[in-house]
């Protein structure tokens, strides 16, 4: 089965774990690691013959246009990851729309092509931000991957469907949702195959979980990671202990796990996998009609 591989392109200091330690005003003063890390990711994907969707931060794209074009030239899909990497639920609808529109325009100008896939910072479209789906659809996006159907202290929509579905907005709009992958055990959903979930778990567990999704539930999985997760030598930021544990644990294991995933499973872009699903094709035909 064909699964989705996504890469959230941001610097090591952009993450939610460091919101209290590194202000957006100081981002430009931080040491940049993103180019070398993305180049490493591109090398790995090329070796395995895999294409992925790269959700790129607008702030970063504005400063590294050649990096965006390099990713696109390698045949990967470009998606939008907001401009300023702020939680959706900490913004007003007007602020969110402005941020989203700015980031999308930067990316489209750089690759001279539509950008139709979106992921919010830290999967922060949650139950109390239903208006965000309306805005994402209104701004021309076709596929969203911002919802994580789990319970978590900074994100999550535990009652959302675990697998791909059309999500209706309050204004009659609809967008195809490809949630982050989970397994269902003990009455709860548990994250697998991405970010800290993949770093903290031993690889055999991740492989087992994705096989459960593919073989038992007959659904595609979605794996996500960040280029900084392949960089165990990145500068250490002074932050609360919990934040440091979340960010730095098992960085040295990610490249090996990624290589094993790419050998054990089949992957492609968000749009290609979605187009292969009947649930996407049936509704999208009616919308176009």
Protein backbone atom coordinates (compact mmCIF):
# COMPACT_ATOMS: atom_id res chain seq x y z
CA UNK A 1 0.00 0.00 0.00
CA UNK A 2 1.15 3.52 -0.79
CA UNK A 3 1.60 5.72 2.29
CA UNK A 4 2.23 9.46 2.65
CA UNK A 5 5.60 10.91 3.59
CA UNK A 6 5.67 14.53 4.76
CA UNK A 7 8.48 16.81 5.90
CA UNK A 8 7.81 19.91 8.02
CA UNK A 9 10.55 22.32 6.96
CA UNK A 10 11.47 24.65 9.80
CA UNK A 11 14.54 25.59 11.81
CA UNK A 12 15.40 23.84 15.07
CA UNK A 13 14.42 26.97 17.03
CA UNK A 14 10.93 27.30 15.49
CA UNK A 15 9.37 24.45 17.45
CA UNK A 16 6.65 24.84 20.09
CA UNK A 17 8.99 23.45 22.75
CA UNK A 18 11.00 26.68 22.51
CA UNK A 19 8.22 29.26 22.24
CA UNK A 20 9.05 30.53 25.72
CA UNK A 21 12.80 30.60 25.05
CA UNK A 22 13.19 31.98 21.52
CA UNK A 23 10.94 34.85 20.45
CA UNK A 24 10.06 35.36 16.76
CA UNK A 25 11.85 38.69 16.93
CA UNK A 26 15.12 36.85 17.62
CA UNK A 27 14.77 34.14 14.96
CA UNK A 28 17.06 36.00 12.59
CA UNK A 29 19.83 35.98 15.21
CA UNK A 30 19.80 32.19 15.68
CA UNK A 31 22.28 29.88 13.92
CA UNK A 32 20.66 28.37 10.83
CA UNK A 33 20.88 24.62 10.22
CA UNK A 34 18.02 24.11 7.78
CA UNK A 35 19.90 23.99 4.47
CA UNK A 36 22.32 21.25 5.47
CA UNK A 37 19.52 19.29 7.10
CA UNK A 38 17.18 19.54 4.11
CA UNK A 39 20.00 18.58 1.76
CA UNK A 40 20.53 15.46 3.86
CA UNK A 41 16.83 14.64 3.64
CA UNK A 42 16.85 15.13 -0.14
CA UNK A 43 19.86 12.82 -0.45
CA UNK A 44 18.13 10.08 1.55
CA UNK A 45 14.88 10.34 -0.40
CA UNK A 46 16.72 10.31 -3.71
CA UNK A 47 18.62 7.19 -2.72
CA UNK A 48 15.33 5.41 -1.97
CA UNK A 49 13.52 6.84 -5.00
CA UNK A 50 10.80 8.41 -2.83
CA UNK A 51 8.87 11.64 -3.35
CA UNK A 52 7.41 13.50 -0.36
CA UNK A 53 5.34 16.55 0.49
CA UNK A 54 7.46 19.29 2.08
CA UNK A 55 5.41 21.66 4.24
CA UNK A 56 7.57 24.79 4.25
CA UNK A 57 7.39 27.68 6.68
CA UNK A 58 6.77 30.99 4.91
CA UNK A 59 9.25 32.87 7.11
CA UNK A 60 11.92 30.41 6.04
CA UNK A 61 10.92 30.36 2.37
CA UNK A 62 11.18 34.14 2.26
CA UNK A 63 14.81 33.92 3.38
CA UNK A 64 15.77 30.72 1.52
CA UNK A 65 14.01 30.85 -1.87
CA UNK A 66 16.73 28.76 -3.48
CA UNK A 67 16.04 25.99 -0.95
CA UNK A 68 12.35 25.91 -1.87
CA UNK A 69 13.19 25.71 -5.56
CA UNK A 70 15.74 22.97 -4.91
CA UNK A 71 13.11 20.86 -3.17
CA UNK A 72 10.61 21.42 -5.98
CA UNK A 73 13.22 20.73 -8.67
CA UNK A 74 13.87 17.33 -7.07
CA UNK A 75 10.24 16.43 -7.83
CA UNK A 76 8.78 16.83 -4.36
CA UNK A 77 5.46 18.48 -3.59
CA UNK A 78 5.50 21.89 -1.90
CA UNK A 79 2.96 22.47 0.86
CA UNK A 80 2.31 25.45 3.14
CA UNK A 81 3.19 25.34 6.84
CA UNK A 82 1.99 28.89 7.74
CA UNK A 83 4.24 31.94 7.72
CA UNK A 84 5.14 32.46 11.40
CA UNK A 85 4.58 28.98 12.91
CA UNK A 86 2.12 30.18 15.54
CA UNK A 87 -0.64 28.10 17.10
CA UNK A 88 -3.93 28.55 15.26
CA UNK A 89 -5.84 28.78 18.54
CA UNK A 90 -3.70 31.72 19.67
CA UNK A 91 -4.73 33.78 16.63
CA UNK A 92 -7.90 35.51 15.54
CA UNK A 93 -9.46 34.33 12.28
CA UNK A 94 -8.20 37.52 10.62
CA UNK A 95 -4.64 36.94 11.84
CA UNK A 96 -4.69 33.32 10.72
CA UNK A 97 -5.98 34.21 7.26
CA UNK A 98 -3.35 36.93 6.81
CA UNK A 99 -0.55 34.60 7.90
CA UNK A 100 -1.79 31.79 5.66
CA UNK A 101 -2.25 34.01 2.62
CA UNK A 102 1.21 35.53 3.01
CA UNK A 103 2.93 32.15 3.24
CA UNK A 104 1.02 30.63 0.33
CA UNK A 105 1.81 33.57 -1.94
CA UNK A 106 5.53 33.44 -1.14
CA UNK A 107 5.68 29.75 -1.99
CA UNK A 108 3.66 30.06 -5.19
CA UNK A 109 5.83 32.93 -6.38
CA UNK A 110 8.96 30.87 -5.78
CA UNK A 111 7.89 27.68 -7.55
CA UNK A 112 5.52 29.30 -10.09
CA UNK A 113 2.85 26.70 -9.37
CA UNK A 114 -0.22 26.32 -7.14
CA UNK A 115 0.28 25.31 -3.50
CA UNK A 116 -2.77 23.29 -2.48
CA UNK A 117 -1.73 21.32 0.64
CA UNK A 118 -1.66 22.85 4.12
CA UNK A 119 -0.50 21.89 7.59
CA UNK A 120 -0.95 24.15 10.60
CA UNK A 121 1.88 24.66 13.05
CA UNK A 122 1.92 21.81 15.57
CA UNK A 123 -1.35 20.33 14.26
CA UNK A 124 -3.08 23.21 16.04
CA UNK A 125 -6.46 23.12 14.31
CA UNK A 126 -8.46 21.89 17.27
CA UNK A 127 -12.08 21.62 18.41
CA UNK A 128 -12.30 25.29 19.38
CA UNK A 129 -11.07 26.57 16.00
CA UNK A 130 -13.70 25.29 13.54
CA UNK A 131 -13.37 28.55 11.60
CA UNK A 132 -9.84 27.56 10.55
CA UNK A 133 -11.09 24.87 8.17
CA UNK A 134 -13.32 27.45 6.46
CA UNK A 135 -10.35 29.75 5.94
CA UNK A 136 -8.04 27.03 4.64
CA UNK A 137 -10.66 26.01 2.06
CA UNK A 138 -11.49 29.61 1.13
CA UNK A 139 -7.82 30.34 0.43
CA UNK A 140 -7.72 27.67 -2.26
CA UNK A 141 -6.22 24.70 -0.47
CA UNK A 142 -7.55 21.29 -1.49
CA UNK A 143 -5.96 19.00 1.13
CA UNK A 144 -5.35 19.66 4.81
CA UNK A 145 -3.17 17.68 7.22
CA UNK A 146 -3.55 19.73 10.39
CA UNK A 147 -5.65 17.46 12.60
CA UNK A 148 -4.17 14.91 14.98
CA UNK A 149 -6.98 12.72 16.44
CA UNK A 150 -5.38 12.27 19.88
CA UNK A 151 -5.35 13.84 23.35
CA UNK A 152 -2.27 16.00 23.86
CA UNK A 153 -1.36 19.01 25.96
CA UNK A 154 -0.76 21.38 23.02
CA UNK A 155 -2.75 19.92 20.12
CA UNK A 156 -5.23 17.24 19.19
CA UNK A 157 -8.84 16.59 18.26
CA UNK A 158 -9.47 13.18 19.87
CA UNK A 159 -12.99 12.75 18.50
CA UNK A 160 -12.02 13.46 14.88
CA UNK A 161 -11.99 10.55 12.40
CA UNK A 162 -8.72 8.65 12.40
CA UNK A 163 -8.52 8.31 8.65
CA UNK A 164 -8.99 10.39 5.52
CA UNK A 165 -12.31 12.18 5.16
CA UNK A 166 -13.95 15.25 3.71
CA UNK A 167 -14.30 17.90 6.40
CA UNK A 168 -17.14 20.35 5.96
CA UNK A 169 -16.83 23.96 6.97
CA UNK A 170 -19.60 26.02 8.50
CA UNK A 171 -19.95 28.01 5.28
CA UNK A 172 -20.61 24.98 3.09
CA UNK A 173 -17.00 24.59 1.97
CA UNK A 174 -15.21 21.24 2.15
CA UNK A 175 -11.60 20.17 2.29
CA UNK A 176 -10.00 16.74 2.19
CA UNK A 177 -8.45 15.92 5.56
CA UNK A 178 -5.52 13.52 5.88
CA UNK A 179 -4.96 13.22 9.66
CA UNK A 180 -1.73 12.25 11.34
CA UNK A 181 -1.63 8.49 11.85
CA UNK A 182 -2.75 6.78 15.04
CA UNK A 183 -3.52 3.34 16.35
CA UNK A 184 -6.52 2.64 18.57
CA UNK A 185 -5.77 0.81 21.82
CA UNK A 186 -7.25 0.79 25.34
CA UNK A 187 -10.02 3.18 24.36
CA UNK A 188 -7.65 5.89 23.10
CA UNK A 189 -5.83 6.92 19.94
CA UNK A 190 -2.03 6.89 20.08
CA UNK A 191 0.25 8.75 17.69
CA UNK A 192 2.64 6.75 15.52
CA UNK A 193 5.07 7.35 12.72
CA UNK A 194 6.05 10.94 13.22
CA UNK A 195 7.96 13.53 15.25
CA UNK A 196 8.46 12.66 18.89
CA UNK A 197 6.20 9.61 18.52
CA UNK A 198 8.73 8.07 16.16
CA UNK A 199 11.79 9.29 18.08
CA UNK A 200 10.65 7.90 21.42
CA UNK A 201 9.38 4.56 20.08
CA UNK A 202 11.70 1.72 19.08
CA UNK A 203 11.56 1.10 15.34
CA UNK A 204 9.90 -2.36 15.60
CA UNK A 205 6.90 -0.69 17.26
CA UNK A 206 6.60 1.91 14.49
CA UNK A 207 6.86 -0.80 11.84
CA UNK A 208 4.21 -2.89 13.61
CA UNK A 209 1.86 0.10 13.96
CA UNK A 210 2.10 1.09 10.29
CA UNK A 211 1.54 -2.51 9.25
CA UNK A 212 -1.57 -2.61 11.44
CA UNK A 213 -2.88 0.46 9.62
CA UNK A 214 -2.02 -0.93 6.16
CA UNK A 215 -2.85 -4.61 6.58
CA UNK A 216 -5.52 -4.77 9.28
CA UNK A 217 -7.35 -1.49 8.70
CA UNK A 218 -6.58 -1.32 4.97
CA UNK A 219 -5.75 2.38 5.10
CA UNK A 220 -2.70 4.45 4.10
CA UNK A 221 -0.54 5.84 6.90
CA UNK A 222 1.03 9.26 7.08
CA UNK A 223 4.60 9.67 8.35
CA UNK A 224 5.96 13.11 9.21
CA UNK A 225 9.30 14.40 10.45
CA UNK A 226 11.40 17.56 10.59
CA UNK A 227 14.84 18.05 9.03
CA UNK A 228 16.21 19.13 12.43
CA UNK A 229 15.38 15.65 13.74
CA UNK A 230 18.26 14.31 11.63
CA UNK A 231 20.68 16.75 13.26
CA UNK A 232 21.92 15.50 16.65
CA UNK A 233 24.69 18.14 16.61
CA UNK A 234 22.32 21.13 16.52
CA UNK A 235 22.94 23.90 19.09
CA UNK A 236 21.27 23.32 22.46
CA UNK A 237 18.77 25.98 23.49
CA UNK A 238 18.23 26.88 27.12
CA UNK A 239 14.67 25.88 27.85
CA UNK A 240 12.59 24.12 30.51
CA UNK A 241 13.57 20.50 31.10
CA UNK A 242 10.35 19.13 29.64
CA UNK A 243 10.90 21.07 26.43
CA UNK A 244 14.49 19.89 26.12
CA UNK A 245 13.45 16.26 26.64
CA UNK A 246 10.77 16.55 23.97
CA UNK A 247 13.09 18.13 21.44
CA UNK A 248 16.47 16.44 21.90
CA UNK A 249 15.64 12.85 22.87
CA UNK A 250 16.81 10.22 20.38
CA UNK A 251 17.82 12.61 17.59
CA UNK A 252 20.67 10.26 16.71
CA UNK A 253 18.19 7.45 15.92
CA UNK A 254 16.00 9.25 13.36
CA UNK A 255 18.09 8.83 10.23
CA UNK A 256 18.37 5.10 10.78
CA UNK A 257 14.64 4.79 11.46
CA UNK A 258 13.83 6.82 8.37
CA UNK A 259 16.01 4.63 6.17
CA UNK A 260 14.31 1.52 7.53
CA UNK A 261 10.85 2.98 6.95
CA UNK A 262 11.70 3.84 3.36
CA UNK A 263 12.91 0.28 2.83
CA UNK A 264 9.98 -1.44 4.57
CA UNK A 265 7.07 0.65 3.20
CA UNK A 266 6.04 2.46 0.03
CA UNK A 267 5.62 6.24 0.17
CA UNK A 268 4.61 9.15 -2.01
CA UNK A 269 3.22 12.68 -1.77
CA UNK A 270 0.06 13.75 -0.04
CA UNK A 271 -1.68 14.64 -3.29
CA UNK A 272 -0.72 11.45 -5.13
CA UNK A 273 -1.90 9.18 -2.32
CA UNK A 274 -5.12 11.17 -1.84
CA UNK A 275 -5.96 10.99 -5.55
CA UNK A 276 -5.65 7.23 -5.35
CA UNK A 277 -8.39 7.00 -2.73
CA UNK A 278 -12.00 6.52 -3.76
CA UNK A 279 -13.19 8.75 -0.91
CA UNK A 280 -11.20 11.60 -2.50
CA UNK A 281 -12.11 10.92 -6.13
CA UNK A 282 -15.86 10.62 -5.61
CA UNK A 283 -16.27 13.90 -3.73
CA UNK A 284 -13.74 15.92 -5.72
CA UNK A 285 -15.59 15.07 -8.93
CA UNK A 286 -18.82 16.46 -7.47
CA UNK A 287 -17.05 19.62 -6.23
CA UNK A 288 -15.51 20.27 -9.65
CA UNK A 289 -18.86 19.68 -11.31
